[in-house]
Amino acid sequence: TEDTKWVSMEKEISRRVKIVQSSADESERRVVVELQFAIGDHQQV
């Protein structure tokens, strides 16, 4: 979409993870949620 559009979602938090990136000096805590998706004919949560 031009001027990228966004859609809102709400999910229950599964857990939080600590992410350490090589380009950053400090770690970052991210929220983890469960999503249902499909790749090819394969469906998974």
ModelCIF file with pLDDT and N, C-alpha, C, O atoms, coordinates in Angstrom:
data_MODEL
#
_entry.id   MODEL 
#
_entity.id                         1 
_entity.type                       polymer 
_entity.pdbx_number_of_molecules   1 
#
_entity_poly.entity_id                      1 
_entity_poly.type                           'polypeptide(L)' 
_entity_poly.nstd_linkage                   no 
_entity_poly.nstd_monomer                   no 
_entity_poly.pdbx_seq_one_letter_code       TEDTKWVSMEKEISRRVKIVQSSADESERRVVVELQFAIGDHQQV 
_entity_poly.pdbx_seq_one_letter_code_can   TEDTKWVSMEKEISRRVKIVQSSADESERRVVVELQFAIGDHQQV 
_entity_poly.pdbx_strand_id                 A 
#
loop_
_entity_poly_seq.entity_id 
_entity_poly_seq.num 
_entity_poly_seq.mon_id 
_entity_poly_seq.hetero 
1 1  THR n 
1 2  GLU n 
1 3  ASP n 
1 4  THR n 
1 5  LYS n 
1 6  TRP n 
1 7  VAL n 
1 8  SER n 
1 9  MET n 
1 10 GLU n 
1 11 LYS n 
1 12 GLU n 
1 13 ILE n 
1 14 SER n 
1 15 ARG n 
1 16 ARG n 
1 17 VAL n 
1 18 LYS n 
1 19 ILE n 
1 20 VAL n 
1 21 GLN n 
1 22 SER n 
1 23 SER n 
1 24 ALA n 
1 25 ASP n 
1 26 GLU n 
1 27 SER n 
1 28 GLU n 
1 29 ARG n 
1 30 ARG n 
1 31 VAL n 
1 32 VAL n 
1 33 VAL n 
1 34 GLU n 
1 35 LEU n 
1 36 GLN n 
1 37 PHE n 
1 38 ALA n 
1 39 ILE n 
1 40 GLY n 
1 41 ASP n 
1 42 HIS n 
1 43 GLN n 
1 44 GLN n 
1 45 VAL n 
#
_struct_asym.id          A 
_struct_asym.entity_id   1 
#
loop_
_ma_qa_metric.id 
_ma_qa_metric.mode 
_ma_qa_metric.name 
_ma_qa_metric.software_group_id 
_ma_qa_metric.type 
1 global pLDDT . pLDDT 
2 local  pLDDT . pLDDT 
#
_ma_qa_metric_global.metric_id      1 
_ma_qa_metric_global.metric_value   86.31 
_ma_qa_metric_global.model_id       1 
_ma_qa_metric_global.ordinal_id     1 
#
loop_
_ma_qa_metric_local.label_asym_id 
_ma_qa_metric_local.label_comp_id 
_ma_qa_metric_local.label_seq_id 
_ma_qa_metric_local.metric_id 
_ma_qa_metric_local.metric_value 
_ma_qa_metric_local.model_id 
_ma_qa_metric_local.ordinal_id 
A THR 1  2 82.00 1 1  
A GLU 2  2 75.00 1 2  
A ASP 3  2 80.00 1 3  
A THR 4  2 84.00 1 4  
A LYS 5  2 92.00 1 5  
A TRP 6  2 95.00 1 6  
A VAL 7  2 95.00 1 7  
A SER 8  2 96.00 1 8  
A MET 9  2 96.00 1 9  
A GLU 10 2 96.00 1 10 
A LYS 11 2 96.00 1 11 
A GLU 12 2 95.00 1 12 
A ILE 13 2 96.00 1 13 
A SER 14 2 94.00 1 14 
A ARG 15 2 92.00 1 15 
A ARG 16 2 89.00 1 16 
A VAL 17 2 86.00 1 17 
A LYS 18 2 80.00 1 18 
A ILE 19 2 75.00 1 19 
A VAL 20 2 68.00 1 20 
A GLN 21 2 64.00 1 21 
A SER 22 2 57.00 1 22 
A SER 23 2 59.00 1 23 
A ALA 24 2 58.00 1 24 
A ASP 25 2 63.00 1 25 
A GLU 26 2 68.00 1 26 
A SER 27 2 71.00 1 27 
A GLU 28 2 79.00 1 28 
A ARG 29 2 86.00 1 29 
A ARG 30 2 91.00 1 30 
A VAL 31 2 95.00 1 31 
A VAL 32 2 96.00 1 32 
A VAL 33 2 97.00 1 33 
A GLU 34 2 96.00 1 34 
A LEU 35 2 97.00 1 35 
A GLN 36 2 96.00 1 36 
A PHE 37 2 96.00 1 37 
A ALA 38 2 95.00 1 38 
A ILE 39 2 96.00 1 39 
A GLY 40 2 94.00 1 40 
A ASP 41 2 92.00 1 41 
A HIS 42 2 94.00 1 42 
A GLN 43 2 93.00 1 43 
A GLN 44 2 94.00 1 44 
A VAL 45 2 95.00 1 45 
#
loop_
_atom_site.group_PDB 
_atom_site.id 
_atom_site.type_symbol 
_atom_site.label_atom_id 
_atom_site.label_alt_id 
_atom_site.label_comp_id 
_atom_site.label_asym_id 
_atom_site.label_entity_id 
_atom_site.label_seq_id 
_atom_site.pdbx_PDB_ins_code 
_atom_site.Cartn_x 
_atom_site.Cartn_y 
_atom_site.Cartn_z 
_atom_site.occupancy 
_atom_site.B_iso_or_equiv 
_atom_site.pdbx_formal_charge 
_atom_site.auth_seq_id 
_atom_site.auth_comp_id 
_atom_site.auth_asym_id 
_atom_site.auth_atom_id 
_atom_site.pdbx_PDB_model_num 
ATOM 1   N N  . THR A 1 1  ? 0.844  -1.199  0.000  1.00 82.00 ? 1  THR A N  1 
ATOM 2   C CA . THR A 1 1  ? 0.000  0.000   0.000  1.00 82.00 ? 1  THR A CA 1 
ATOM 3   C C  . THR A 1 1  ? 0.878  1.247   0.000  1.00 82.00 ? 1  THR A C  1 
ATOM 4   O O  . THR A 1 1  ? 1.932  1.283   0.635  1.00 82.00 ? 1  THR A O  1 
ATOM 5   N N  . GLU A 1 2  ? 0.424  2.264   -0.722 1.00 75.00 ? 2  GLU A N  1 
ATOM 6   C CA . GLU A 1 2  ? 1.152  3.526   -0.724 1.00 75.00 ? 2  GLU A CA 1 
ATOM 7   C C  . GLU A 1 2  ? 0.987  4.195   0.637  1.00 75.00 ? 2  GLU A C  1 
ATOM 8   O O  . GLU A 1 2  ? -0.069 4.111   1.264  1.00 75.00 ? 2  GLU A O  1 
ATOM 9   N N  . ASP A 1 3  ? 2.045  4.856   1.076  1.00 80.00 ? 3  ASP A N  1 
ATOM 10  C CA . ASP A 1 3  ? 2.019  5.464   2.411  1.00 80.00 ? 3  ASP A CA 1 
ATOM 11  C C  . ASP A 1 3  ? 1.512  4.430   3.412  1.00 80.00 ? 3  ASP A C  1 
ATOM 12  O O  . ASP A 1 3  ? 0.463  4.586   4.036  1.00 80.00 ? 3  ASP A O  1 
ATOM 13  N N  . THR A 1 4  ? 2.282  3.400   3.532  1.00 84.00 ? 4  THR A N  1 
ATOM 14  C CA . THR A 1 4  ? 1.902  2.171   4.225  1.00 84.00 ? 4  THR A CA 1 
ATOM 15  C C  . THR A 1 4  ? 0.779  2.330   5.244  1.00 84.00 ? 4  THR A C  1 
ATOM 16  O O  . THR A 1 4  ? 0.872  3.123   6.182  1.00 84.00 ? 4  THR A O  1 
ATOM 17  N N  . LYS A 1 5  ? -0.275 1.559   5.037  1.00 92.00 ? 5  LYS A N  1 
ATOM 18  C CA . LYS A 1 5  ? -1.381 1.510   5.989  1.00 92.00 ? 5  LYS A CA 1 
ATOM 19  C C  . LYS A 1 5  ? -1.063 0.500   7.086  1.00 92.00 ? 5  LYS A C  1 
ATOM 20  O O  . LYS A 1 5  ? -0.219 -0.381  6.921  1.00 92.00 ? 5  LYS A O  1 
ATOM 21  N N  . TRP A 1 6  ? -1.768 0.652   8.216  1.00 95.00 ? 6  TRP A N  1 
ATOM 22  C CA . TRP A 1 6  ? -1.541 -0.235  9.355  1.00 95.00 ? 6  TRP A CA 1 
ATOM 23  C C  . TRP A 1 6  ? -2.879 -0.735  9.874  1.00 95.00 ? 6  TRP A C  1 
ATOM 24  O O  . TRP A 1 6  ? -3.890 -0.035  9.821  1.00 95.00 ? 6  TRP A O  1 
ATOM 25  N N  . VAL A 1 7  ? -2.859 -1.941  10.368 1.00 95.00 ? 7  VAL A N  1 
ATOM 26  C CA . VAL A 1 7  ? -4.072 -2.503  10.986 1.00 95.00 ? 7  VAL A CA 1 
ATOM 27  C C  . VAL A 1 7  ? -3.743 -2.884  12.433 1.00 95.00 ? 7  VAL A C  1 
ATOM 28  O O  . VAL A 1 7  ? -2.624 -3.293  12.742 1.00 95.00 ? 7  VAL A O  1 
ATOM 29  N N  . SER A 1 8  ? -4.731 -2.742  13.300 1.00 96.00 ? 8  SER A N  1 
ATOM 30  C CA . SER A 1 8  ? -4.530 -2.993  14.733 1.00 96.00 ? 8  SER A CA 1 
ATOM 31  C C  . SER A 1 8  ? -4.882 -4.433  15.086 1.00 96.00 ? 8  SER A C  1 
ATOM 32  O O  . SER A 1 8  ? -5.814 -5.017  14.534 1.00 96.00 ? 8  SER A O  1 
ATOM 33  N N  . MET A 1 9  ? -4.115 -4.988  16.016 1.00 96.00 ? 9  MET A N  1 
ATOM 34  C CA . MET A 1 9  ? -4.354 -6.346  16.506 1.00 96.00 ? 9  MET A CA 1 
ATOM 35  C C  . MET A 1 9  ? -4.222 -6.359  18.032 1.00 96.00 ? 9  MET A C  1 
ATOM 36  O O  . MET A 1 9  ? -3.532 -5.521  18.611 1.00 96.00 ? 9  MET A O  1 
ATOM 37  N N  . GLU A 1 10 ? -4.882 -7.306  18.664 1.00 96.00 ? 10 GLU A N  1 
ATOM 38  C CA . GLU A 1 10 ? -4.771 -7.507  20.108 1.00 96.00 ? 10 GLU A CA 1 
ATOM 39  C C  . GLU A 1 10 ? -4.505 -8.984  20.367 1.00 96.00 ? 10 GLU A C  1 
ATOM 40  O O  . GLU A 1 10 ? -5.195 -9.853  19.833 1.00 96.00 ? 10 GLU A O  1 
ATOM 41  N N  . LYS A 1 11 ? -3.503 -9.257  21.185 1.00 96.00 ? 11 LYS A N  1 
ATOM 42  C CA . LYS A 1 11 ? -3.146 -10.637 21.494 1.00 96.00 ? 11 LYS A CA 1 
ATOM 43  C C  . LYS A 1 11 ? -2.739 -10.752 22.960 1.00 96.00 ? 11 LYS A C  1 
ATOM 44  O O  . LYS A 1 11 ? -2.229 -9.801  23.552 1.00 96.00 ? 11 LYS A O  1 
ATOM 45  N N  . GLU A 1 12 ? -2.969 -11.912 23.525 1.00 95.00 ? 12 GLU A N  1 
ATOM 46  C CA . GLU A 1 12 ? -2.479 -12.180 24.877 1.00 95.00 ? 12 GLU A CA 1 
ATOM 47  C C  . GLU A 1 12 ? -0.976 -12.434 24.822 1.00 95.00 ? 12 GLU A C  1 
ATOM 48  O O  . GLU A 1 12 ? -0.486 -13.120 23.925 1.00 95.00 ? 12 GLU A O  1 
ATOM 49  N N  . ILE A 1 13 ? -0.255 -11.879 25.781 1.00 96.00 ? 13 ILE A N  1 
ATOM 50  C CA . ILE A 1 13 ? 1.199  -12.031 25.790 1.00 96.00 ? 13 ILE A CA 1 
ATOM 51  C C  . ILE A 1 13 ? 1.573  -13.446 26.228 1.00 96.00 ? 13 ILE A C  1 
ATOM 52  O O  . ILE A 1 13 ? 1.146  -13.913 27.284 1.00 96.00 ? 13 ILE A O  1 
ATOM 53  N N  . SER A 1 14 ? 2.373  -14.118 25.407 1.00 94.00 ? 14 SER A N  1 
ATOM 54  C CA . SER A 1 14 ? 2.844  -15.465 25.764 1.00 94.00 ? 14 SER A CA 1 
ATOM 55  C C  . SER A 1 14 ? 4.008  -15.400 26.733 1.00 94.00 ? 14 SER A C  1 
ATOM 56  O O  . SER A 1 14 ? 4.041  -16.129 27.724 1.00 94.00 ? 14 SER A O  1 
ATOM 57  N N  . ARG A 1 15 ? 4.962  -14.528 26.448 1.00 92.00 ? 15 ARG A N  1 
ATOM 58  C CA . ARG A 1 15 ? 6.146  -14.350 27.290 1.00 92.00 ? 15 ARG A CA 1 
ATOM 59  C C  . ARG A 1 15 ? 6.914  -13.143 26.785 1.00 92.00 ? 15 ARG A C  1 
ATOM 60  O O  . ARG A 1 15 ? 6.478  -12.467 25.853 1.00 92.00 ? 15 ARG A O  1 
ATOM 61  N N  . ARG A 1 16 ? 8.047  -12.876 27.395 1.00 89.00 ? 16 ARG A N  1 
ATOM 62  C CA . ARG A 1 16 ? 8.952  -11.821 26.953 1.00 89.00 ? 16 ARG A CA 1 
ATOM 63  C C  . ARG A 1 16 ? 10.334 -12.422 26.768 1.00 89.00 ? 16 ARG A C  1 
ATOM 64  O O  . ARG A 1 16 ? 10.738 -13.307 27.522 1.00 89.00 ? 16 ARG A O  1 
ATOM 65  N N  . VAL A 1 17 ? 11.051 -11.946 25.778 1.00 86.00 ? 17 VAL A N  1 
ATOM 66  C CA . VAL A 1 17 ? 12.382 -12.483 25.511 1.00 86.00 ? 17 VAL A CA 1 
ATOM 67  C C  . VAL A 1 17 ? 13.395 -11.352 25.536 1.00 86.00 ? 17 VAL A C  1 
ATOM 68  O O  . VAL A 1 17 ? 13.072 -10.196 25.260 1.00 86.00 ? 17 VAL A O  1 
ATOM 69  N N  . LYS A 1 18 ? 14.604 -11.704 25.867 1.00 80.00 ? 18 LYS A N  1 
ATOM 70  C CA . LYS A 1 18 ? 15.709 -10.751 25.907 1.00 80.00 ? 18 LYS A CA 1 
ATOM 71  C C  . LYS A 1 18 ? 16.523 -10.911 24.632 1.00 80.00 ? 18 LYS A C  1 
ATOM 72  O O  . LYS A 1 18 ? 17.073 -11.979 24.362 1.00 80.00 ? 18 LYS A O  1 
ATOM 73  N N  . ILE A 1 19 ? 16.594 -9.836  23.849 1.00 75.00 ? 19 ILE A N  1 
ATOM 74  C CA . ILE A 1 19 ? 17.278 -9.868  22.560 1.00 75.00 ? 19 ILE A CA 1 
ATOM 75  C C  . ILE A 1 19 ? 18.558 -9.034  22.650 1.00 75.00 ? 19 ILE A C  1 
ATOM 76  O O  . ILE A 1 19 ? 18.530 -7.877  23.069 1.00 75.00 ? 19 ILE A O  1 
ATOM 77  N N  . VAL A 1 20 ? 19.672 -9.636  22.253 1.00 68.00 ? 20 VAL A N  1 
ATOM 78  C CA . VAL A 1 20 ? 20.949 -8.923  22.212 1.00 68.00 ? 20 VAL A CA 1 
ATOM 79  C C  . VAL A 1 20 ? 21.396 -8.859  20.762 1.00 68.00 ? 20 VAL A C  1 
ATOM 80  O O  . VAL A 1 20 ? 21.646 -9.893  20.144 1.00 68.00 ? 20 VAL A O  1 
ATOM 81  N N  . GLN A 1 21 ? 21.499 -7.647  20.212 1.00 64.00 ? 21 GLN A N  1 
ATOM 82  C CA . GLN A 1 21 ? 21.921 -7.463  18.829 1.00 64.00 ? 21 GLN A CA 1 
ATOM 83  C C  . GLN A 1 21 ? 23.377 -7.007  18.777 1.00 64.00 ? 21 GLN A C  1 
ATOM 84  O O  . GLN A 1 21 ? 23.846 -6.273  19.646 1.00 64.00 ? 21 GLN A O  1 
ATOM 85  N N  . SER A 1 22 ? 24.073 -7.454  17.745 1.00 57.00 ? 22 SER A N  1 
ATOM 86  C CA . SER A 1 22 ? 25.489 -7.119  17.623 1.00 57.00 ? 22 SER A CA 1 
ATOM 87  C C  . SER A 1 22 ? 25.695 -5.626  17.396 1.00 57.00 ? 22 SER A C  1 
ATOM 88  O O  . SER A 1 22 ? 26.750 -5.085  17.729 1.00 57.00 ? 22 SER A O  1 
ATOM 89  N N  . SER A 1 23 ? 24.687 -4.956  16.830 1.00 59.00 ? 23 SER A N  1 
ATOM 90  C CA . SER A 1 23 ? 24.818 -3.532  16.539 1.00 59.00 ? 23 SER A CA 1 
ATOM 91  C C  . SER A 1 23 ? 24.458 -2.651  17.731 1.00 59.00 ? 23 SER A C  1 
ATOM 92  O O  . SER A 1 23 ? 24.619 -1.432  17.673 1.00 59.00 ? 23 SER A O  1 
ATOM 93  N N  . ALA A 1 24 ? 23.977 -3.256  18.802 1.00 58.00 ? 24 ALA A N  1 
ATOM 94  C CA . ALA A 1 24 ? 23.562 -2.473  19.976 1.00 58.00 ? 24 ALA A CA 1 
ATOM 95  C C  . ALA A 1 24 ? 24.352 -2.923  21.195 1.00 58.00 ? 24 ALA A C  1 
ATOM 96  O O  . ALA A 1 24 ? 24.693 -4.097  21.340 1.00 58.00 ? 24 ALA A O  1 
ATOM 97  N N  . ASP A 1 25 ? 24.632 -1.963  22.067 1.00 63.00 ? 25 ASP A N  1 
ATOM 98  C CA . ASP A 1 25 ? 25.389 -2.277  23.280 1.00 63.00 ? 25 ASP A CA 1 
ATOM 99  C C  . ASP A 1 25 ? 24.501 -2.871  24.365 1.00 63.00 ? 25 ASP A C  1 
ATOM 100 O O  . ASP A 1 25 ? 24.964 -3.667  25.181 1.00 63.00 ? 25 ASP A O  1 
ATOM 101 N N  . GLU A 1 26 ? 23.223 -2.487  24.379 1.00 68.00 ? 26 GLU A N  1 
ATOM 102 C CA . GLU A 1 26 ? 22.321 -2.937  25.422 1.00 68.00 ? 26 GLU A CA 1 
ATOM 103 C C  . GLU A 1 26 ? 21.319 -3.948  24.853 1.00 68.00 ? 26 GLU A C  1 
ATOM 104 O O  . GLU A 1 26 ? 21.005 -3.935  23.663 1.00 68.00 ? 26 GLU A O  1 
ATOM 105 N N  . SER A 1 27 ? 20.829 -4.819  25.734 1.00 71.00 ? 27 SER A N  1 
ATOM 106 C CA . SER A 1 27 ? 19.841 -5.817  25.331 1.00 71.00 ? 27 SER A CA 1 
ATOM 107 C C  . SER A 1 27 ? 18.446 -5.184  25.290 1.00 71.00 ? 27 SER A C  1 
ATOM 108 O O  . SER A 1 27 ? 18.217 -4.129  25.882 1.00 71.00 ? 27 SER A O  1 
ATOM 109 N N  . GLU A 1 28 ? 17.530 -5.832  24.594 1.00 79.00 ? 28 GLU A N  1 
ATOM 110 C CA . GLU A 1 28 ? 16.163 -5.333  24.444 1.00 79.00 ? 28 GLU A CA 1 
ATOM 111 C C  . GLU A 1 28 ? 15.191 -6.451  24.800 1.00 79.00 ? 28 GLU A C  1 
ATOM 112 O O  . GLU A 1 28 ? 15.380 -7.598  24.393 1.00 79.00 ? 28 GLU A O  1 
ATOM 113 N N  . ARG A 1 29 ? 14.145 -6.115  25.565 1.00 86.00 ? 29 ARG A N  1 
ATOM 114 C CA . ARG A 1 29 ? 13.125 -7.103  25.907 1.00 86.00 ? 29 ARG A CA 1 
ATOM 115 C C  . ARG A 1 29 ? 11.927 -6.903  24.983 1.00 86.00 ? 29 ARG A C  1 
ATOM 116 O O  . ARG A 1 29 ? 11.386 -5.805  24.863 1.00 86.00 ? 29 ARG A O  1 
ATOM 117 N N  . ARG A 1 30 ? 11.531 -7.997  24.334 1.00 91.00 ? 30 ARG A N  1 
ATOM 118 C CA . ARG A 1 30 ? 10.445 -7.928  23.379 1.00 91.00 ? 30 ARG A CA 1 
ATOM 119 C C  . ARG A 1 30 ? 9.268  -8.787  23.833 1.00 91.00 ? 30 ARG A C  1 
ATOM 120 O O  . ARG A 1 30 ? 9.426  -9.782  24.541 1.00 91.00 ? 30 ARG A O  1 
ATOM 121 N N  . VAL A 1 31 ? 8.096  -8.367  23.402 1.00 95.00 ? 31 VAL A N  1 
ATOM 122 C CA . VAL A 1 31 ? 6.870  -9.106  23.695 1.00 95.00 ? 31 VAL A CA 1 
ATOM 123 C C  . VAL A 1 31 ? 6.720  -10.242 22.682 1.00 95.00 ? 31 VAL A C  1 
ATOM 124 O O  . VAL A 1 31 ? 7.015  -10.074 21.499 1.00 95.00 ? 31 VAL A O  1 
ATOM 125 N N  . VAL A 1 32 ? 6.262  -11.390 23.159 1.00 96.00 ? 32 VAL A N  1 
ATOM 126 C CA . VAL A 1 32 ? 6.048  -12.552 22.294 1.00 96.00 ? 32 VAL A CA 1 
ATOM 127 C C  . VAL A 1 32 ? 4.560  -12.908 22.308 1.00 96.00 ? 32 VAL A C  1 
ATOM 128 O O  . VAL A 1 32 ? 3.953  -13.025 23.372 1.00 96.00 ? 32 VAL A O  1 
ATOM 129 N N  . VAL A 1 33 ? 3.984  -13.077 21.127 1.00 97.00 ? 33 VAL A N  1 
ATOM 130 C CA . VAL A 1 33 ? 2.573  -13.473 21.004 1.00 97.00 ? 33 VAL A CA 1 
ATOM 131 C C  . VAL A 1 33 ? 2.469  -14.672 20.061 1.00 97.00 ? 33 VAL A C  1 
ATOM 132 O O  . VAL A 1 33 ? 3.394  -14.963 19.303 1.00 97.00 ? 33 VAL A O  1 
ATOM 133 N N  . GLU A 1 34 ? 1.345  -15.351 20.120 1.00 96.00 ? 34 GLU A N  1 
ATOM 134 C CA . GLU A 1 34 ? 1.099  -16.473 19.222 1.00 96.00 ? 34 GLU A CA 1 
ATOM 135 C C  . GLU A 1 34 ? 0.261  -16.004 18.038 1.00 96.00 ? 34 GLU A C  1 
ATOM 136 O O  . GLU A 1 34 ? -0.762 -15.342 18.218 1.00 96.00 ? 34 GLU A O  1 
ATOM 137 N N  . LEU A 1 35 ? 0.699  -16.350 16.824 1.00 97.00 ? 35 LEU A N  1 
ATOM 138 C CA . LEU A 1 35 ? -0.006 -15.979 15.609 1.00 97.00 ? 35 LEU A CA 1 
ATOM 139 C C  . LEU A 1 35 ? -0.261 -17.223 14.766 1.00 97.00 ? 35 LEU A C  1 
ATOM 140 O O  . LEU A 1 35 ? 0.553  -18.145 14.729 1.00 97.00 ? 35 LEU A O  1 
ATOM 141 N N  . GLN A 1 36 ? -1.403 -17.228 14.094 1.00 96.00 ? 36 GLN A N  1 
ATOM 142 C CA . GLN A 1 36 ? -1.700 -18.329 13.173 1.00 96.00 ? 36 GLN A CA 1 
ATOM 143 C C  . GLN A 1 36 ? -1.363 -17.879 11.758 1.00 96.00 ? 36 GLN A C  1 
ATOM 144 O O  . GLN A 1 36 ? -1.695 -16.767 11.349 1.00 96.00 ? 36 GLN A O  1 
ATOM 145 N N  . PHE A 1 37 ? -0.704 -18.753 11.026 1.00 96.00 ? 37 PHE A N  1 
ATOM 146 C CA . PHE A 1 37 ? -0.241 -18.389 9.687  1.00 96.00 ? 37 PHE A CA 1 
ATOM 147 C C  . PHE A 1 37 ? -0.255 -19.612 8.785  1.00 96.00 ? 37 PHE A C  1 
ATOM 148 O O  . PHE A 1 37 ? -0.531 -20.732 9.215  1.00 96.00 ? 37 PHE A O  1 
ATOM 149 N N  . ALA A 1 38 ? 0.051  -19.358 7.525  1.00 95.00 ? 38 ALA A N  1 
ATOM 150 C CA . ALA A 1 38 ? 0.154  -20.447 6.546  1.00 95.00 ? 38 ALA A CA 1 
ATOM 151 C C  . ALA A 1 38 ? 1.314  -20.161 5.608  1.00 95.00 ? 38 ALA A C  1 
ATOM 152 O O  . ALA A 1 38 ? 1.535  -19.020 5.201  1.00 95.00 ? 38 ALA A O  1 
ATOM 153 N N  . ILE A 1 39 ? 2.049  -21.208 5.275  1.00 96.00 ? 39 ILE A N  1 
ATOM 154 C CA . ILE A 1 39 ? 3.090  -21.166 4.244  1.00 96.00 ? 39 ILE A CA 1 
ATOM 155 C C  . ILE A 1 39 ? 2.801  -22.340 3.315  1.00 96.00 ? 39 ILE A C  1 
ATOM 156 O O  . ILE A 1 39 ? 2.830  -23.497 3.735  1.00 96.00 ? 39 ILE A O  1 
ATOM 157 N N  . GLY A 1 40 ? 2.519  -22.031 2.040  1.00 94.00 ? 40 GLY A N  1 
ATOM 158 C CA . GLY A 1 40 ? 2.081  -23.094 1.132  1.00 94.00 ? 40 GLY A CA 1 
ATOM 159 C C  . GLY A 1 40 ? 0.752  -23.654 1.625  1.00 94.00 ? 40 GLY A C  1 
ATOM 160 O O  . GLY A 1 40 ? -0.171 -22.899 1.929  1.00 94.00 ? 40 GLY A O  1 
ATOM 161 N N  . ASP A 1 41 ? 0.658  -24.968 1.703  1.00 92.00 ? 41 ASP A N  1 
ATOM 162 C CA . ASP A 1 41 ? -0.563 -25.600 2.215  1.00 92.00 ? 41 ASP A CA 1 
ATOM 163 C C  . ASP A 1 41 ? -0.417 -25.976 3.697  1.00 92.00 ? 41 ASP A C  1 
ATOM 164 O O  . ASP A 1 41 ? -1.252 -26.684 4.260  1.00 92.00 ? 41 ASP A O  1 
ATOM 165 N N  . HIS A 1 42 ? 0.651  -25.488 4.303  1.00 94.00 ? 42 HIS A N  1 
ATOM 166 C CA . HIS A 1 42 ? 0.905  -25.800 5.716  1.00 94.00 ? 42 HIS A CA 1 
ATOM 167 C C  . HIS A 1 42 ? 0.380  -24.669 6.615  1.00 94.00 ? 42 HIS A C  1 
ATOM 168 O O  . HIS A 1 42 ? 0.701  -23.499 6.405  1.00 94.00 ? 42 HIS A O  1 
ATOM 169 N N  . GLN A 1 43 ? -0.420 -25.031 7.605  1.00 93.00 ? 43 GLN A N  1 
ATOM 170 C CA . GLN A 1 43 ? -0.946 -24.082 8.577  1.00 93.00 ? 43 GLN A CA 1 
ATOM 171 C C  . GLN A 1 43 ? -0.363 -24.378 9.958  1.00 93.00 ? 43 GLN A C  1 
ATOM 172 O O  . GLN A 1 43 ? -0.139 -25.534 10.317 1.00 93.00 ? 43 GLN A O  1 
ATOM 173 N N  . GLN A 1 44 ? -0.124 -23.321 10.717 1.00 94.00 ? 44 GLN A N  1 
ATOM 174 C CA . GLN A 1 44 ? 0.533  -23.516 12.007 1.00 94.00 ? 44 GLN A CA 1 
ATOM 175 C C  . GLN A 1 44 ? 0.267  -22.314 12.920 1.00 94.00 ? 44 GLN A C  1 
ATOM 176 O O  . GLN A 1 44 ? 0.003  -21.207 12.450 1.00 94.00 ? 44 GLN A O  1 
ATOM 177 N N  . VAL A 1 45 ? 0.340  -22.555 14.224 1.00 95.00 ? 45 VAL A N  1 
ATOM 178 C CA . VAL A 1 45 ? 0.323  -21.489 15.230 1.00 95.00 ? 45 VAL A CA 1 
ATOM 179 C C  . VAL A 1 45 ? 1.684  -21.497 15.907 1.00 95.00 ? 45 VAL A C  1 
ATOM 180 O O  . VAL A 1 45 ? 1.933  -20.688 16.802 1.00 95.00 ? 45 VAL A O  1 
#
